[in-house]
Amino acid sequence: MSLPDVEAFERAGLLAWPGIDIDWDGHWVRRAANGYTKRANSLQCFAADDGAGCAARLDAAVAWFIARGVPPVVRTTPLESAGLTAELDRRNWQSIDLSHLYAMPLAARPEADPEAEVTPLLDGQFLAAQQALQGHDQRTMDRMAALLAAMAVPAAGVVVYRQGVPVAAGLAAIADGIVLTGNVITSAAHRRQGLGAAMMRTIHAWAHGAGARIAALNVQADNPAGKALYQSLGYTHQYDYSYRIPKEA
């Protein structure tokens, strides 16, 4: 099975992780979500040929983010126009958080972990597991819940338990036949025990049953353990992306 192109993955990601406040300017999209994650609070260009008037449009985007109380961020992918890239370079915006998109076919439905629970995104046990494992304070959890409530595609939370204790969690959303996984976390005390793989297999089982035939996720370039896990499951590197922020930020 062939994998989609960059635009298909990015369009699916836009649906799966949409932001709360969304505004289009040609093929540039601004997203804001009270500051929860850079992806949901960033400007992104979806067309390499949409580079007209970049200086004024970037100024407008910066003002738009400031008006919503979030710092200006640009998500830079292979789809970005050369004009926007040049304007960011001219302003000396720095690149941070180099990351990869990994993907794989879901040709068959795997076995879910017997101690895993698949829940709605706003289910109390999923949110409690995320808070405990991620170490989020209540303000961050409120922001996370607001973003999850904005998702309009099929989505679920997954929690893996051992002896009744949540030891791994993640979430998944399906857009255009692609399941995208995020918020993956394993208890520090239970790492290197195959729990991340167990959780991913559970997500794949749920997604395959819901009609997804491609799986994708984002992983930071400086996360060798995460990359090794995903590669062991069959994921392969598709392309890189990063974020750009004003140098003084």
Protein backbone atom coordinates (compact mmCIF):
# COMPACT_ATOMS: atom_id res chain seq x y z
CA MET A 1 0.00 0.00 0.00
CA SER A 2 1.42 3.38 -1.01
CA LEU A 3 1.48 6.21 1.52
CA PRO A 4 -0.04 9.66 0.95
CA ASP A 5 1.95 12.77 0.06
CA VAL A 6 2.91 15.62 2.37
CA GLU A 7 -0.21 17.66 1.70
CA ALA A 8 -2.52 14.72 2.47
CA PHE A 9 -0.81 14.16 5.82
CA GLU A 10 -0.86 17.87 6.68
CA ARG A 11 -4.51 18.27 5.69
CA ALA A 12 -5.40 15.27 7.83
CA GLY A 13 -3.40 16.77 10.68
CA LEU A 14 -5.32 20.01 10.36
CA LEU A 15 -8.59 18.13 10.83
CA ALA A 16 -7.29 15.87 13.58
CA TRP A 17 -5.66 18.67 15.63
CA PRO A 18 -7.66 21.67 14.49
CA GLY A 19 -7.21 24.48 16.99
CA ILE A 20 -10.18 26.31 18.49
CA ASP A 21 -9.96 29.64 16.65
CA ILE A 22 -9.14 29.14 12.94
CA ASP A 23 -8.67 31.80 10.26
CA TRP A 24 -7.61 31.34 6.63
CA ASP A 25 -5.64 33.90 4.61
CA GLY A 26 -5.40 32.38 1.14
CA HIS A 27 -3.54 29.11 1.69
CA TRP A 28 -2.17 30.28 5.04
CA VAL A 29 -4.05 29.14 8.12
CA ARG A 30 -3.84 30.58 11.62
CA ARG A 31 -4.81 28.41 14.57
CA ALA A 32 -5.16 29.37 18.23
CA ALA A 33 -6.09 27.15 21.16
CA ASN A 34 -5.29 29.09 24.34
CA GLY A 35 -1.61 28.21 23.95
CA TYR A 36 -2.01 24.42 24.24
CA THR A 37 0.62 22.95 21.84
CA LYS A 38 2.51 24.82 19.14
CA ARG A 39 0.71 22.95 16.36
CA ALA A 40 -2.70 24.25 17.47
CA ASN A 41 -1.29 27.77 18.00
CA SER A 42 0.59 28.48 14.81
CA LEU A 43 0.55 29.86 11.29
CA GLN A 44 1.03 27.37 8.48
CA CYS A 45 1.25 27.72 4.70
CA PHE A 46 -0.32 24.93 2.64
CA ALA A 47 0.73 26.01 -0.87
CA ALA A 48 4.26 26.53 -2.19
CA ASP A 49 3.01 29.12 -4.68
CA ASP A 50 1.19 31.30 -2.13
CA GLY A 51 3.98 33.77 -1.42
CA ALA A 52 2.53 37.14 -2.38
CA GLY A 53 2.53 39.99 0.15
CA CYS A 54 4.34 37.96 2.76
CA ALA A 55 5.56 40.87 4.88
CA ALA A 56 2.10 42.37 5.40
CA ARG A 57 0.48 38.97 5.86
CA LEU A 58 3.03 37.90 8.44
CA ASP A 59 2.50 41.19 10.28
CA ALA A 60 -1.24 40.52 10.28
CA ALA A 61 -0.69 37.00 11.60
CA VAL A 62 1.56 38.23 14.40
CA ALA A 63 -1.10 40.76 15.43
CA TRP A 64 -3.76 38.03 15.27
CA PHE A 65 -1.81 35.81 17.68
CA ILE A 66 -0.99 38.65 20.06
CA ALA A 67 -4.68 39.62 20.18
CA ARG A 68 -5.43 36.08 21.37
CA GLY A 69 -2.75 36.06 24.01
CA VAL A 70 -0.48 33.48 22.37
CA PRO A 71 3.05 33.95 21.02
CA PRO A 72 3.48 34.02 17.23
CA VAL A 73 4.70 30.71 15.82
CA VAL A 74 5.05 29.43 12.27
CA ARG A 75 4.87 25.72 11.52
CA THR A 76 7.29 25.13 8.64
CA THR A 77 6.75 22.09 6.41
CA PRO A 78 7.76 21.19 2.83
CA LEU A 79 4.54 22.92 1.71
CA GLU A 80 5.69 26.37 2.83
CA SER A 81 6.10 29.00 0.13
CA ALA A 82 9.57 30.31 -0.62
CA GLY A 83 8.24 33.82 -0.03
CA LEU A 84 7.21 33.07 3.55
CA THR A 85 10.49 31.29 4.23
CA ALA A 86 12.45 34.26 2.88
CA GLU A 87 10.45 36.70 5.01
CA LEU A 88 11.06 34.63 8.15
CA ASP A 89 14.76 34.54 7.27
CA ARG A 90 14.79 38.30 6.74
CA ARG A 91 13.34 38.79 10.21
CA ASN A 92 15.80 36.31 11.73
CA TRP A 93 13.06 34.07 13.15
CA GLN A 94 14.76 31.06 14.69
CA SER A 95 13.96 27.41 14.01
CA ILE A 96 13.11 25.17 16.98
CA ASP A 97 11.86 21.64 17.60
CA LEU A 98 12.97 19.87 14.44
CA SER A 99 10.58 16.94 14.08
CA HIS A 100 9.64 14.12 11.72
CA LEU A 101 6.38 12.76 10.43
CA TYR A 102 6.37 8.97 10.46
CA ALA A 103 3.74 6.81 8.79
CA MET A 104 2.85 3.20 8.01
CA PRO A 105 0.05 1.22 6.35
CA LEU A 106 -2.54 -0.45 8.57
CA ALA A 107 -2.97 -3.54 6.43
CA ALA A 108 -4.36 -5.75 9.21
CA ARG A 109 -5.95 -5.23 12.60
CA PRO A 110 -3.47 -5.97 15.42
CA GLU A 111 -4.30 -7.34 18.86
CA ALA A 112 -5.17 -4.69 21.42
CA ASP A 113 -3.55 -4.90 24.84
CA PRO A 114 -5.87 -6.84 27.17
CA GLU A 115 -5.47 -4.27 29.95
CA ALA A 116 -5.98 -1.21 27.74
CA GLU A 117 -9.10 0.93 27.78
CA VAL A 118 -10.33 2.92 24.78
CA THR A 119 -12.41 5.89 25.89
CA PRO A 120 -13.94 9.10 24.54
CA LEU A 121 -11.43 11.96 24.59
CA LEU A 122 -13.17 13.79 27.42
CA ASP A 123 -13.66 10.68 29.56
CA GLY A 124 -12.58 11.27 33.14
CA GLN A 125 -10.28 8.27 33.37
CA PHE A 126 -8.41 9.24 30.21
CA LEU A 127 -7.97 12.85 31.32
CA ALA A 128 -6.87 11.72 34.79
CA ALA A 129 -4.31 9.34 33.28
CA GLN A 130 -2.96 12.07 30.99
CA GLN A 131 -2.68 14.48 33.90
CA ALA A 132 -0.91 11.97 36.14
CA LEU A 133 1.51 10.75 33.47
CA GLN A 134 2.22 14.11 31.83
CA GLY A 135 2.44 15.99 35.12
CA HIS A 136 0.08 18.71 33.88
CA ASP A 137 -1.39 21.28 36.24
CA GLN A 138 -5.13 21.97 36.15
CA ARG A 139 -4.76 25.06 33.94
CA THR A 140 -2.97 22.99 31.29
CA MET A 141 -5.59 20.26 31.55
CA ASP A 142 -8.37 22.81 31.05
CA ARG A 143 -6.62 24.01 27.87
CA MET A 144 -6.15 20.44 26.69
CA ALA A 145 -9.81 19.58 27.32
CA ALA A 146 -10.95 22.68 25.39
CA LEU A 147 -8.90 21.62 22.37
CA LEU A 148 -10.11 18.02 22.56
CA ALA A 149 -13.69 19.29 22.66
CA ALA A 150 -13.06 21.09 19.34
CA MET A 151 -12.17 17.87 17.49
CA ALA A 152 -14.88 17.01 14.98
CA VAL A 153 -13.43 13.76 13.60
CA PRO A 154 -13.59 10.23 15.10
CA ALA A 155 -11.19 10.22 18.05
CA ALA A 156 -10.43 8.26 21.20
CA GLY A 157 -8.19 8.17 24.21
CA VAL A 158 -6.24 5.04 25.16
CA VAL A 159 -4.96 4.12 28.61
CA VAL A 160 -2.88 1.03 29.33
CA TYR A 161 -3.15 -0.32 32.88
CA ARG A 162 -1.03 -2.70 34.89
CA GLN A 163 -2.53 -3.96 38.15
CA GLY A 164 -5.15 -1.24 37.90
CA VAL A 165 -2.61 1.59 37.58
CA PRO A 166 -2.42 3.73 34.40
CA VAL A 167 1.09 3.28 32.98
CA ALA A 168 0.76 4.60 29.41
CA ALA A 169 -1.66 6.82 27.53
CA GLY A 170 -2.18 8.45 24.18
CA LEU A 171 -4.89 9.73 21.91
CA ALA A 172 -5.81 9.15 18.30
CA ALA A 173 -7.94 10.90 15.70
CA ILE A 174 -8.94 9.73 12.23
CA ALA A 175 -9.11 12.13 9.28
CA ASP A 176 -9.30 11.15 5.61
CA GLY A 177 -8.57 7.51 6.46
CA ILE A 178 -5.40 8.40 8.39
CA VAL A 179 -5.15 7.86 12.14
CA LEU A 180 -2.88 10.38 13.82
CA THR A 181 -1.55 9.61 17.28
CA GLY A 182 -0.53 12.20 19.86
CA ASN A 183 0.01 12.92 23.56
CA VAL A 184 1.91 9.65 23.90
CA ILE A 185 3.35 9.13 27.38
CA THR A 186 4.61 6.18 29.45
CA SER A 187 5.21 6.20 33.18
CA ALA A 188 8.89 6.82 33.92
CA ALA A 189 8.82 3.90 36.35
CA HIS A 190 7.51 1.50 33.69
CA ARG A 191 9.60 2.31 30.65
CA ARG A 192 11.43 -0.33 28.58
CA GLN A 193 8.65 -2.82 29.34
CA GLY A 194 6.89 -2.74 25.98
CA LEU A 195 4.07 -0.51 27.21
CA GLY A 196 4.45 2.07 24.46
CA ALA A 197 4.17 -0.67 21.86
CA ALA A 198 1.15 -2.11 23.67
CA MET A 199 -0.56 1.25 23.60
CA MET A 200 0.24 1.81 19.91
CA ARG A 201 -1.12 -1.62 18.98
CA THR A 202 -4.31 -0.77 20.86
CA ILE A 203 -4.61 2.52 18.97
CA HIS A 204 -4.01 0.70 15.68
CA ALA A 205 -6.66 -1.90 16.55
CA TRP A 206 -9.23 0.80 17.35
CA ALA A 207 -8.34 2.82 14.25
CA HIS A 208 -8.43 -0.17 11.90
CA GLY A 209 -11.85 -1.09 13.25
CA ALA A 210 -12.98 2.50 12.63
CA GLY A 211 -11.85 2.39 9.00
CA ALA A 212 -8.34 3.89 9.06
CA ARG A 213 -5.83 2.27 6.73
CA ILE A 214 -2.85 4.60 7.27
CA ALA A 215 -1.24 5.51 10.61
CA ALA A 216 0.87 8.63 11.14
CA LEU A 217 2.44 10.50 14.02
CA ASN A 218 4.92 13.23 14.83
CA VAL A 219 8.14 12.62 16.73
CA GLN A 220 10.83 15.11 17.68
CA ALA A 221 14.23 14.61 16.09
CA ASP A 222 15.90 14.51 19.51
CA ASN A 223 13.75 11.61 20.75
CA PRO A 224 15.74 8.49 19.79
CA ALA A 225 13.71 6.20 22.04
CA GLY A 226 10.46 7.29 20.44
CA LYS A 227 11.86 6.91 16.93
CA ALA A 228 13.14 3.43 17.75
CA LEU A 229 9.72 2.40 19.10
CA TYR A 230 7.84 3.63 16.05
CA GLN A 231 10.31 2.09 13.63
CA SER A 232 9.94 -1.25 15.42
CA LEU A 233 6.20 -1.09 14.75
CA GLY A 234 6.71 -0.45 11.03
CA TYR A 235 6.63 3.34 10.81
CA THR A 236 8.98 5.01 8.32
CA HIS A 237 10.17 8.60 8.00
CA GLN A 238 8.20 10.67 5.49
CA TYR A 239 9.37 14.27 5.90
CA ASP A 240 10.65 16.84 8.39
CA TYR A 241 9.06 19.96 9.82
CA SER A 242 9.95 22.52 12.47
CA TYR A 243 8.65 25.68 14.12
CA ARG A 244 9.90 29.23 13.76
CA ILE A 245 9.59 31.94 16.40
CA PRO A 246 10.81 35.52 16.65
CA LYS A 247 14.43 35.57 17.77
CA GLU A 248 13.67 37.65 20.82
CA ALA A 249 10.97 35.20 21.99
